[in-house]
Protein backbone atom coordinates (compact mmCIF):
# COMPACT_ATOMS: atom_id res chain seq x y z
CA MET A 1 119.31 145.12 121.16
CA ALA A 2 117.91 144.40 124.60
CA THR A 3 114.23 143.55 124.92
CA ASP A 4 112.23 146.39 126.43
CA THR A 5 110.54 145.32 129.70
CA LYS A 6 107.31 146.99 128.54
CA ILE A 7 107.23 144.60 125.57
CA VAL A 8 107.60 141.62 127.89
CA GLU A 9 104.84 142.96 130.14
CA MET A 10 102.57 143.45 127.10
CA LEU A 11 103.18 139.89 125.92
CA GLU A 12 102.51 138.46 129.39
CA ALA A 13 99.24 140.42 129.58
CA PHE A 14 98.35 139.15 126.10
CA LYS A 15 98.97 135.54 127.20
CA LYS A 16 96.80 135.95 130.30
CA LEU A 17 94.02 137.64 128.35
CA LEU A 18 93.82 134.80 125.85
CA SER A 19 94.77 132.01 128.30
CA ILE A 20 97.66 131.06 126.05
CA LYS A 21 100.50 128.86 127.12
CA ASP A 22 104.13 129.59 126.31
CA ASN A 23 103.86 129.24 122.53
CA TYR A 24 104.09 133.00 121.95
CA ILE A 25 107.61 134.38 122.15
CA ILE A 26 109.48 137.61 121.55
CA ALA A 27 112.24 137.27 118.98
CA GLU A 28 114.72 139.67 117.41
CA VAL A 29 115.26 139.91 113.65
CA CYS A 30 118.98 139.30 113.09
CA SER A 31 119.00 138.89 109.28
CA ILE A 32 116.64 139.92 106.49
CA ASP A 33 117.84 137.93 103.49
CA PRO A 34 117.62 135.15 104.42
CA LEU A 35 115.24 135.87 107.29
CA LYS A 36 116.69 134.80 110.65
CA ILE A 37 115.45 135.48 114.16
CA LYS A 38 117.12 135.21 117.54
CA VAL A 39 115.35 133.71 120.55
CA ASN A 40 117.24 133.66 123.85
CA ASP A 41 120.61 133.93 122.05
CA LEU A 42 119.70 131.04 119.73
CA VAL A 43 119.61 131.99 116.04
CA ILE A 44 116.73 130.38 114.14
CA GLU A 45 117.44 129.99 110.43
CA GLN A 46 114.75 127.61 109.18
CA HIS A 47 110.99 127.10 109.43
CA ILE A 48 110.28 130.82 109.83
CA TYR A 49 107.04 132.08 108.33
CA ALA A 50 106.06 135.74 107.95
CA ASP A 51 103.71 137.86 105.89
CA PRO A 52 105.66 138.82 102.74
CA ILE A 53 104.74 142.49 103.24
CA TYR A 54 107.23 142.60 106.14
CA ILE A 55 110.05 141.58 103.80
CA GLN A 56 109.07 142.96 100.37
CA SER A 57 107.27 146.20 101.21
CA SER A 58 108.54 149.44 99.74
CA LEU A 59 107.19 151.23 102.82
CA PRO A 60 109.96 151.51 105.44
CA ASP A 61 107.45 151.45 108.32
CA MET A 62 106.21 148.02 107.21
CA LYS A 63 109.51 146.38 106.38
CA PHE A 64 111.61 144.37 108.85
CA SER A 65 114.91 145.84 109.95
CA ILE A 66 117.75 144.07 111.72
CA GLY A 67 117.18 144.52 115.45
CA ASP A 68 113.37 144.66 115.23
CA ASN A 69 111.49 142.75 117.89
CA VAL A 70 108.63 140.54 116.76
CA ILE A 71 105.96 138.41 118.39
CA ALA A 72 106.13 134.88 117.03
CA PHE A 73 104.09 131.75 117.61
CA GLN A 74 106.14 128.58 117.99
CA ASP A 75 104.55 125.36 116.81
CA ASP A 76 106.98 122.46 117.22
CA VAL A 77 110.02 123.56 115.14
CA SER A 78 108.16 126.24 113.15
CA PHE A 79 108.01 129.94 113.99
CA TYR A 80 105.15 132.08 112.66
CA ILE A 81 105.80 135.80 112.96
CA ILE A 82 102.56 137.41 114.05
CA GLU A 83 103.51 141.06 114.36
CA ARG A 84 106.43 143.44 114.43
CA ILE A 85 106.78 145.34 117.70
CA LYS A 86 107.46 149.01 117.24
CA LYS A 87 108.36 151.32 120.11
CA ILE A 88 106.06 154.34 120.06
CA VAL A 89 107.63 156.56 122.74
């Protein structure tokens, strides 16, 4: 799934607004169990942290799906998923 340019623009605006360096990234969920994300064609399999509601929720709108884009914060080798990005229109 290709990253929507509007998502990239939103993230860049977010970085400028908060004066954040390059620690925020857009990743794609490529596996749910175990959770894996893809960043620039590199699959990350370890040190991924996310709110359990995104994985265990019975509500389909809350739960991760393969191909979902997420905003993640990278701290050294760890990735903290901040939010799932959902296309509205």
